[in-house]
């Protein structure tokens, strides 16, 4: 196995990103990213997410896997592709009139922070044990992943307290509108081939995973989405994540 990547095998990144419950974290990250209206304007205008939601999800998962576990050459190649794609994406949000560029550091930082906070939080709530020092180490490690997409590591939150402060600072920019709900619908109930939906457990399985991802969002994000506090609580989401992780670990390999 090639260990000349961004992160060594004993890194917190390897420990967290190798956990199978990270699929839920990926969906959670998409739902969290969607509450930034300008970021979503770019996705709806330039992304193939609606036409090929499964392809987009798998490509994103593959990218995270390469950056986490790949060789330096593989990481550099993946970063070059992503930066090239981002350089071609720009426009004007028709709702707010704001201009946007996919390589805007402000938007890149938002996407990055939503991902890493979702990965770490989901891992912990599913039963993964980390010390406060290891949590800070994870966020510090992930500044190197941020650099792959073109971010200056020095402007990326590198500790748990910095991540909390970042989300507090971003709150005035965030909201759920018709576009956010459109993205959320595709995330929670993406189209499936008829045979797959009717003849396999794929639909109920995905619905369970996606619903758990929504339930595990931060309280402020659940309130933006209008998820009733009496229906979804932090405790119920945590129990669901731990049950899912235990089920995956017991499944035949």
Protein backbone atom coordinates (compact mmCIF):
# COMPACT_ATOMS: atom_id res chain seq x y z
CA UNK A 1 0.00 0.00 0.00
CA UNK A 2 1.25 3.47 -0.87
CA UNK A 3 1.72 5.74 2.15
CA UNK A 4 3.22 8.80 0.48
CA UNK A 5 -0.02 10.77 0.61
CA UNK A 6 -1.13 13.84 2.53
CA UNK A 7 -1.89 11.85 5.67
CA UNK A 8 0.02 8.95 7.28
CA UNK A 9 -1.81 5.76 8.33
CA UNK A 10 -1.70 6.80 12.00
CA UNK A 11 -3.41 10.16 11.29
CA UNK A 12 -6.79 11.06 12.71
CA UNK A 13 -7.93 11.56 9.13
CA UNK A 14 -7.39 7.88 8.33
CA UNK A 15 -9.17 6.86 11.50
CA UNK A 16 -12.23 9.02 10.82
CA UNK A 17 -12.49 8.71 7.05
CA UNK A 18 -12.17 4.92 7.04
CA UNK A 19 -15.33 4.54 9.11
CA UNK A 20 -18.31 3.24 7.08
CA UNK A 21 -20.71 5.65 8.78
CA UNK A 22 -19.07 8.44 6.76
CA UNK A 23 -21.70 7.85 4.05
CA UNK A 24 -24.20 9.49 6.38
CA UNK A 25 -21.73 12.31 6.98
CA UNK A 26 -21.47 12.95 3.25
CA UNK A 27 -25.22 13.40 2.93
CA UNK A 28 -25.26 15.59 6.04
CA UNK A 29 -22.55 17.77 4.51
CA UNK A 30 -24.61 18.29 1.34
CA UNK A 31 -27.66 19.33 3.36
CA UNK A 32 -25.54 21.70 5.43
CA UNK A 33 -23.84 23.23 2.38
CA UNK A 34 -27.27 23.84 0.83
CA UNK A 35 -28.24 26.50 3.38
CA UNK A 36 -25.80 28.95 1.77
CA UNK A 37 -27.88 30.51 -1.04
CA UNK A 38 -24.99 31.71 -3.22
CA UNK A 39 -23.24 28.34 -3.04
CA UNK A 40 -26.47 26.66 -4.11
CA UNK A 41 -26.98 29.07 -6.99
CA UNK A 42 -23.79 27.73 -8.53
CA UNK A 43 -24.77 24.11 -7.93
CA UNK A 44 -28.19 24.51 -9.55
CA UNK A 45 -26.86 26.42 -12.53
CA UNK A 46 -23.66 24.55 -13.32
CA UNK A 47 -23.78 21.14 -11.62
CA UNK A 48 -25.14 17.86 -12.99
CA UNK A 49 -26.48 17.01 -9.54
CA UNK A 50 -30.13 16.94 -10.58
CA UNK A 51 -29.50 15.00 -13.80
CA UNK A 52 -27.13 12.50 -12.18
CA UNK A 53 -27.36 12.69 -8.37
CA UNK A 54 -25.86 9.22 -7.84
CA UNK A 55 -22.91 9.97 -10.10
CA UNK A 56 -22.27 13.24 -8.29
CA UNK A 57 -22.40 11.55 -4.87
CA UNK A 58 -20.03 8.76 -5.92
CA UNK A 59 -17.60 11.16 -7.57
CA UNK A 60 -17.50 13.28 -4.43
CA UNK A 61 -16.91 10.17 -2.30
CA UNK A 62 -14.14 9.05 -4.65
CA UNK A 63 -12.49 12.47 -4.42
CA UNK A 64 -12.54 12.43 -0.61
CA UNK A 65 -11.12 8.91 -0.67
CA UNK A 66 -8.26 9.87 -2.98
CA UNK A 67 -7.34 12.95 -0.94
CA UNK A 68 -7.53 10.98 2.31
CA UNK A 69 -5.73 7.78 1.30
CA UNK A 70 -4.14 8.34 -2.12
CA UNK A 71 -0.54 8.97 -3.07
CA UNK A 72 0.79 12.47 -3.55
CA UNK A 73 0.56 12.04 -7.32
CA UNK A 74 -3.06 10.90 -7.10
CA UNK A 75 -3.96 13.79 -4.80
CA UNK A 76 -2.27 16.33 -7.05
CA UNK A 77 -4.08 14.95 -10.11
CA UNK A 78 -7.45 15.06 -8.34
CA UNK A 79 -6.81 18.60 -7.15
CA UNK A 80 -5.83 19.74 -10.63
CA UNK A 81 -9.10 18.38 -12.06
CA UNK A 82 -11.21 20.04 -9.39
CA UNK A 83 -9.46 23.40 -9.65
CA UNK A 84 -9.85 23.32 -13.44
CA UNK A 85 -13.58 22.67 -13.12
CA UNK A 86 -13.98 25.43 -10.53
CA UNK A 87 -12.16 27.94 -12.73
CA UNK A 88 -14.92 27.61 -15.34
CA UNK A 89 -17.84 28.17 -12.97
CA UNK A 90 -19.10 31.71 -12.36
CA UNK A 91 -22.34 33.60 -12.63
CA UNK A 92 -24.91 35.83 -10.97
CA UNK A 93 -27.38 34.54 -8.41
CA UNK A 94 -30.77 35.50 -9.92
CA UNK A 95 -32.39 35.74 -6.48
CA UNK A 96 -29.85 37.93 -4.69
CA UNK A 97 -27.98 39.51 -7.60
CA UNK A 98 -24.71 38.41 -6.02
CA UNK A 99 -21.90 37.34 -8.33
CA UNK A 100 -20.18 34.07 -7.57
CA UNK A 101 -17.16 32.05 -8.62
CA UNK A 102 -16.68 28.42 -7.67
CA UNK A 103 -13.05 29.18 -6.81
CA UNK A 104 -14.01 32.05 -4.50
CA UNK A 105 -12.17 31.33 -1.21
CA UNK A 106 -15.27 32.36 0.77
CA UNK A 107 -17.40 29.66 -0.90
CA UNK A 108 -14.62 27.07 -0.94
CA UNK A 109 -14.12 27.57 2.79
CA UNK A 110 -17.86 27.07 3.39
CA UNK A 111 -17.92 23.80 1.46
CA UNK A 112 -14.78 22.57 3.19
CA UNK A 113 -15.98 23.40 6.70
CA UNK A 114 -19.36 21.77 6.14
CA UNK A 115 -17.61 18.60 5.00
CA UNK A 116 -15.03 18.25 7.74
CA UNK A 117 -17.41 19.24 10.53
CA UNK A 118 -19.91 16.68 9.22
CA UNK A 119 -17.28 13.95 8.96
CA UNK A 120 -15.96 14.48 12.47
CA UNK A 121 -19.31 15.07 14.17
CA UNK A 122 -20.93 12.03 12.55
CA UNK A 123 -17.99 9.82 13.48
CA UNK A 124 -18.12 10.95 17.09
CA UNK A 125 -21.87 10.69 17.47
CA UNK A 126 -21.81 7.21 15.94
CA UNK A 127 -19.50 6.09 18.73
CA UNK A 128 -16.04 7.00 17.48
CA UNK A 129 -13.90 8.07 20.41
CA UNK A 130 -11.52 11.00 20.08
CA UNK A 131 -9.80 13.14 22.67
CA UNK A 132 -10.05 16.95 22.44
CA UNK A 133 -6.45 16.98 21.21
CA UNK A 134 -7.27 14.47 18.47
CA UNK A 135 -10.27 16.53 17.41
CA UNK A 136 -8.09 19.60 17.00
CA UNK A 137 -5.50 17.47 15.22
CA UNK A 138 -8.14 16.32 12.71
CA UNK A 139 -9.14 19.88 11.84
CA UNK A 140 -5.48 20.88 11.54
CA UNK A 141 -4.81 17.92 9.23
CA UNK A 142 -7.75 18.88 7.05
CA UNK A 143 -6.24 22.28 6.25
CA UNK A 144 -3.96 20.29 3.92
CA UNK A 145 -7.03 18.86 2.16
CA UNK A 146 -8.35 22.42 1.82
CA UNK A 147 -5.14 23.42 0.08
CA UNK A 148 -5.78 20.78 -2.60
CA UNK A 149 -8.77 22.77 -3.90
CA UNK A 150 -6.81 26.02 -3.80
CA UNK A 151 -7.49 27.40 -0.33
CA UNK A 152 -4.79 29.06 1.75
CA UNK A 153 -4.48 26.73 4.78
CA UNK A 154 -3.93 29.76 7.02
CA UNK A 155 -7.53 30.97 6.45
CA UNK A 156 -9.13 27.57 7.19
CA UNK A 157 -10.37 26.79 10.73
CA UNK A 158 -7.82 24.45 12.27
CA UNK A 159 -9.40 23.53 15.63
CA UNK A 160 -12.77 22.72 17.16
CA UNK A 161 -13.12 26.20 18.65
CA UNK A 162 -12.23 27.82 15.30
CA UNK A 163 -14.87 25.72 13.52
CA UNK A 164 -17.52 26.77 16.08
CA UNK A 165 -16.58 30.42 15.66
CA UNK A 166 -16.66 30.09 11.89
CA UNK A 167 -20.23 28.75 11.81
CA UNK A 168 -21.35 31.46 14.20
CA UNK A 169 -19.88 34.08 11.90
CA UNK A 170 -21.56 32.54 8.85
CA UNK A 171 -25.06 32.36 10.33
CA UNK A 172 -26.26 35.76 8.97
CA UNK A 173 -25.57 34.54 5.40
CA UNK A 174 -27.56 31.32 5.71
CA UNK A 175 -31.16 30.55 4.92
CA UNK A 176 -33.44 27.90 3.46
CA UNK A 177 -35.33 28.98 0.35
CA UNK A 178 -37.04 27.21 -2.56
CA UNK A 179 -33.70 26.31 -4.11
CA UNK A 180 -32.39 24.84 -0.87
CA UNK A 181 -35.52 22.72 -0.58
CA UNK A 182 -35.12 21.59 -4.19
CA UNK A 183 -31.59 20.39 -3.48
CA UNK A 184 -32.73 18.76 -0.24
CA UNK A 185 -35.45 16.84 -2.07
CA UNK A 186 -32.88 15.42 -4.48
CA UNK A 187 -30.61 14.49 -1.59
CA UNK A 188 -33.37 12.87 0.49
CA UNK A 189 -35.19 11.15 -2.39
CA UNK A 190 -32.97 10.96 -5.49
CA UNK A 191 -34.43 9.32 -8.59
CA UNK A 192 -33.76 5.60 -8.94
CA UNK A 193 -34.25 3.17 -11.81
CA UNK A 194 -37.72 1.70 -11.50
CA UNK A 195 -36.43 -1.86 -11.15
CA UNK A 196 -34.06 -0.84 -8.38
CA UNK A 197 -36.72 1.12 -6.51
CA UNK A 198 -39.35 -1.63 -6.72
CA UNK A 199 -37.30 -4.83 -6.57
CA UNK A 200 -34.59 -3.96 -4.05
CA UNK A 201 -34.43 -2.38 -0.59
CA UNK A 202 -32.44 0.53 -2.02
CA UNK A 203 -35.20 3.12 -1.65
CA UNK A 204 -36.07 2.48 2.03
CA UNK A 205 -32.38 2.02 2.86
CA UNK A 206 -31.45 5.36 1.29
CA UNK A 207 -34.42 7.09 2.90
CA UNK A 208 -33.27 5.86 6.30
CA UNK A 209 -29.70 7.04 5.77
CA UNK A 210 -30.74 10.43 4.36
CA UNK A 211 -33.29 11.01 7.10
CA UNK A 212 -30.66 10.22 9.71
CA UNK A 213 -28.31 12.70 8.03
CA UNK A 214 -30.98 15.40 8.24
CA UNK A 215 -31.73 14.54 11.85
CA UNK A 216 -28.06 14.88 12.78
CA UNK A 217 -27.71 18.42 11.42
CA UNK A 218 -26.86 21.13 13.97
CA UNK A 219 -29.91 22.45 15.79
CA UNK A 220 -29.71 25.84 14.05
CA UNK A 221 -29.68 24.13 10.62
CA UNK A 222 -32.63 21.91 11.53
CA UNK A 223 -34.53 25.04 12.53
CA UNK A 224 -33.74 26.65 9.16
CA UNK A 225 -35.16 23.57 7.43
CA UNK A 226 -38.21 23.63 9.70
CA UNK A 227 -37.54 20.18 11.18
CA UNK A 228 -39.71 19.99 14.33
CA UNK A 229 -37.71 19.88 17.53
CA UNK A 230 -40.27 17.55 19.10
CA UNK A 231 -39.83 15.03 16.29
CA UNK A 232 -36.03 15.10 16.00
CA UNK A 233 -33.69 15.53 18.94
CA UNK A 234 -29.93 15.33 19.27
CA UNK A 235 -30.33 12.24 21.44
CA UNK A 236 -32.49 10.39 18.91
CA UNK A 237 -30.13 11.22 16.04
CA UNK A 238 -27.13 10.03 18.05
CA UNK A 239 -28.87 6.76 18.94
CA UNK A 240 -29.74 6.26 15.29
CA UNK A 241 -26.14 6.81 14.18
CA UNK A 242 -24.80 4.38 16.79
CA UNK A 243 -27.37 1.77 15.78
CA UNK A 244 -26.47 2.16 12.10
CA UNK A 245 -22.74 1.86 12.79
CA UNK A 246 -23.31 -1.25 14.90
CA UNK A 247 -25.42 -2.79 12.13
CA UNK A 248 -22.74 -2.09 9.50
CA UNK A 249 -20.03 -3.58 11.71
CA UNK A 250 -22.06 -6.76 12.19
CA UNK A 251 -22.79 -7.18 8.49
CA UNK A 252 -20.91 -9.94 6.65
CA UNK A 253 -17.83 -8.64 4.89
